[in-house]
C-alpha atoms as a PDB file:
ATOM      1  CA  THR A   1       2.879 -18.509  -5.783  1.00  0.00           C
ATOM      2  CA  ASP A   2       4.897 -15.781  -7.339  1.00  0.00           C
ATOM      3  CA  ILE A   3       4.218 -13.668  -4.191  1.00  0.00           C
ATOM      4  CA  VAL A   4       5.504 -16.005  -1.879  1.00  0.00           C
ATOM      5  CA  SER A   5       8.126 -18.167  -3.849  1.00  0.00           C
ATOM      6  CA  GLY A   6      10.163 -15.218  -4.780  1.00  0.00           C
ATOM      7  CA  GLY A   7       9.459 -15.729  -8.446  1.00  0.00           C
ATOM      8  CA  HIS A   8       9.039 -13.699 -11.181  1.00  0.00           C
ATOM      9  CA  GLY A   9       5.817 -11.552 -11.518  1.00  0.00           C
ATOM     10  CA  SER A  10       3.980  -9.494  -8.741  1.00  0.00           C
ATOM     11  CA  GLU A  11       5.518  -9.126  -5.356  1.00  0.00           C
ATOM     12  CA  LEU A  12       4.355  -7.740  -1.920  1.00  0.00           C
ATOM     13  CA  TYR A  13       5.927  -4.406  -1.126  1.00  0.00           C
ATOM     14  CA  ARG A  14       4.928  -2.218   1.932  1.00  0.00           C
ATOM     15  CA  VAL A  15       5.021   1.516   0.635  1.00  0.00           C
ATOM     16  CA  ALA A  16       5.135   4.774   2.006  1.00  0.00           C
ATOM     17  CA  LEU A  17       2.152   6.958   0.636  1.00  0.00           C
ATOM     18  CA  PRO A  18       2.731  10.463  -1.036  1.00  0.00           C
ATOM     19  CA  PRO A  19       1.512  13.447   0.982  1.00  0.00           C
ATOM     20  CA  ASP A  20      -1.215  14.033  -1.685  1.00  0.00           C
ATOM     21  CA  TYR A  21      -2.917  10.342  -0.565  1.00  0.00           C
ATOM     22  CA  ILE A  22      -3.765  12.052   2.841  1.00  0.00           C
ATOM     23  CA  GLY A  23      -7.470  12.443   2.987  1.00  0.00           C
ATOM     24  CA  LEU A  24      -8.368   9.736   0.642  1.00  0.00           C
ATOM     25  CA  SER A  25     -10.877   6.937   1.241  1.00  0.00           C
ATOM     26  CA  ILE A  26     -10.034   3.462   1.313  1.00  0.00           C
ATOM     27  CA  ASP A  27     -11.747   2.977  -2.029  1.00  0.00           C
ATOM     28  CA  GLU A  28     -10.074   6.078  -3.397  1.00  0.00           C
ATOM     29  CA  LEU A  29      -6.670   5.021  -2.456  1.00  0.00           C
ATOM     30  CA  SER A  30      -7.287   1.626  -3.923  1.00  0.00           C
ATOM     31  CA  THR A  31      -8.381   3.438  -7.381  1.00  0.00           C
ATOM     32  CA  LYS A  32      -5.508   5.696  -7.167  1.00  0.00           C
ATOM     33  CA  LEU A  33      -2.861   2.967  -6.428  1.00  0.00           C
ATOM     34  CA  ARG A  34      -4.187   0.729  -9.271  1.00  0.00           C
ATOM     35  CA  GLY A  35      -4.460   3.459 -12.031  1.00  0.00           C
ATOM     36  CA  GLU A  36      -1.159   5.343 -11.497  1.00  0.00           C
ATOM     37  CA  HIS A  37       0.922   2.305 -10.064  1.00  0.00           C
ATOM     38  CA  LYS A  38      -0.758  -0.821 -11.341  1.00  0.00           C
ATOM     39  CA  ALA A  39      -0.826  -1.821  -7.753  1.00  0.00           C
ATOM     40  CA  THR A  40      -3.491  -3.788  -5.814  1.00  0.00           C
ATOM     41  CA  LEU A  41      -3.819  -2.574  -2.283  1.00  0.00           C
ATOM     42  CA  LEU A  42      -3.818  -5.491   0.405  1.00  0.00           C
ATOM     43  CA  ALA A  43      -3.918  -3.529   3.545  1.00  0.00           C
ATOM     44  CA  VAL A  44      -3.036  -0.332   5.471  1.00  0.00           C
ATOM     45  CA  THR A  45      -0.900   0.080   8.377  1.00  0.00           C
ATOM     46  CA  ARG A  46      -1.885   2.792  10.902  1.00  0.00           C
ATOM     47  CA  ASN A  47       0.082   2.709  14.096  1.00  0.00           C
ATOM     48  CA  GLY A  48       1.647  -0.534  13.843  1.00  0.00           C
ATOM     49  CA  ARG A  49      -1.768  -2.367  13.149  1.00  0.00           C
ATOM     50  CA  SER A  50      -2.487  -3.701   9.558  1.00  0.00           C
ATOM     51  CA  LEU A  51      -6.065  -3.052   8.394  1.00  0.00           C
ATOM     52  CA  THR A  52      -7.110  -5.572   5.739  1.00  0.00           C
ATOM     53  CA  ASN A  53     -10.794  -4.486   5.213  1.00  0.00           C
ATOM     54  CA  PRO A  54     -11.262  -1.078   6.710  1.00  0.00           C
ATOM     55  CA  ALA A  55     -15.039   0.575   6.380  1.00  0.00           C
ATOM     56  CA  SER A  56     -15.282   2.404   3.061  1.00  0.00           C
ATOM     57  CA  GLU A  57     -15.663   5.656   5.260  1.00  0.00           C
ATOM     58  CA  PHE A  58     -11.837   4.828   6.716  1.00  0.00           C
ATOM     59  CA  ARG A  59      -9.349   7.869   5.451  1.00  0.00           C
ATOM     60  CA  MET A  60      -5.830   8.006   4.996  1.00  0.00           C
ATOM     61  CA  ARG A  61      -3.987   9.731   7.718  1.00  0.00           C
ATOM     62  CA  GLU A  62      -0.295  11.136   7.637  1.00  0.00           C
ATOM     63  CA  GLY A  63       2.120   8.151   8.589  1.00  0.00           C
ATOM     64  CA  ASP A  64      -0.303   5.215   7.293  1.00  0.00           C
ATOM     65  CA  ASP A  65       1.343   3.195   4.812  1.00  0.00           C
ATOM     66  CA  ALA A  66       0.110   0.501   2.441  1.00  0.00           C
ATOM     67  CA  VAL A  67       0.592  -3.080   1.402  1.00  0.00           C
ATOM     68  CA  VAL A  68       0.481  -3.949  -1.777  1.00  0.00           C
ATOM     69  CA  VAL A  69       1.181  -6.357  -4.664  1.00  0.00           C
ATOM     70  CA  ALA A  70       2.714  -5.124  -7.771  1.00  0.00           C
ATOM     71  CA  GLU A  71       5.065  -6.088 -10.345  1.00  0.00           C
ATOM     72  CA  SER A  72       6.953  -3.008  -9.765  1.00  0.00           C
ATOM     73  CA  LEU A  73       7.080   0.249  -7.629  1.00  0.00           C
ATOM     74  CA  GLY A  74       7.028   2.836 -10.304  1.00  0.00           C
ATOM     75  CA  GLN A  75       7.267   6.104  -8.423  1.00  0.00           C
ATOM     76  CA  LEU A  76       6.251   4.657  -5.183  1.00  0.00           C
ATOM     77  CA  GLN A  77       8.867   4.271  -2.617  1.00  0.00           C
ATOM     78  CA  PRO A  78       9.355   1.050  -0.377  1.00  0.00           C
ATOM     79  CA  LEU A  79       8.859   1.750   2.960  1.00  0.00           C
ATOM     80  CA  ILE A  80      12.140   1.870   5.097  1.00  0.00           C
ATOM     81  CA  LEU A  81      11.669  -0.308   8.539  1.00  0.00           C
ATOM     82  CA  GLN A  82      13.476   0.882  11.640  1.00  0.00           C
ATOM     83  CA  HIS A  83      14.900  -2.148  13.409  1.00  0.00           C
ATOM     84  CA  GLU A  84      15.036  -1.802  17.066  1.00  0.00           C
END
């Protein structure tokens, strides 16, 4: 309930991924996010489309971003969305 209520604890973030994340598999990405940032991967966004359960052979590409649950972002940066 913290996620949707704005209470204390974990929150949803959409984050830009650092260049060294390009080429990672979805499993590697999930492990890296959890290990380095204590963040749980929920989805990857590619070309404006959210992918919540991509196949294990899915690889991160330049321009992909991630939706994660975390208490804080650490070194990750929130994605700045452009409004039209």
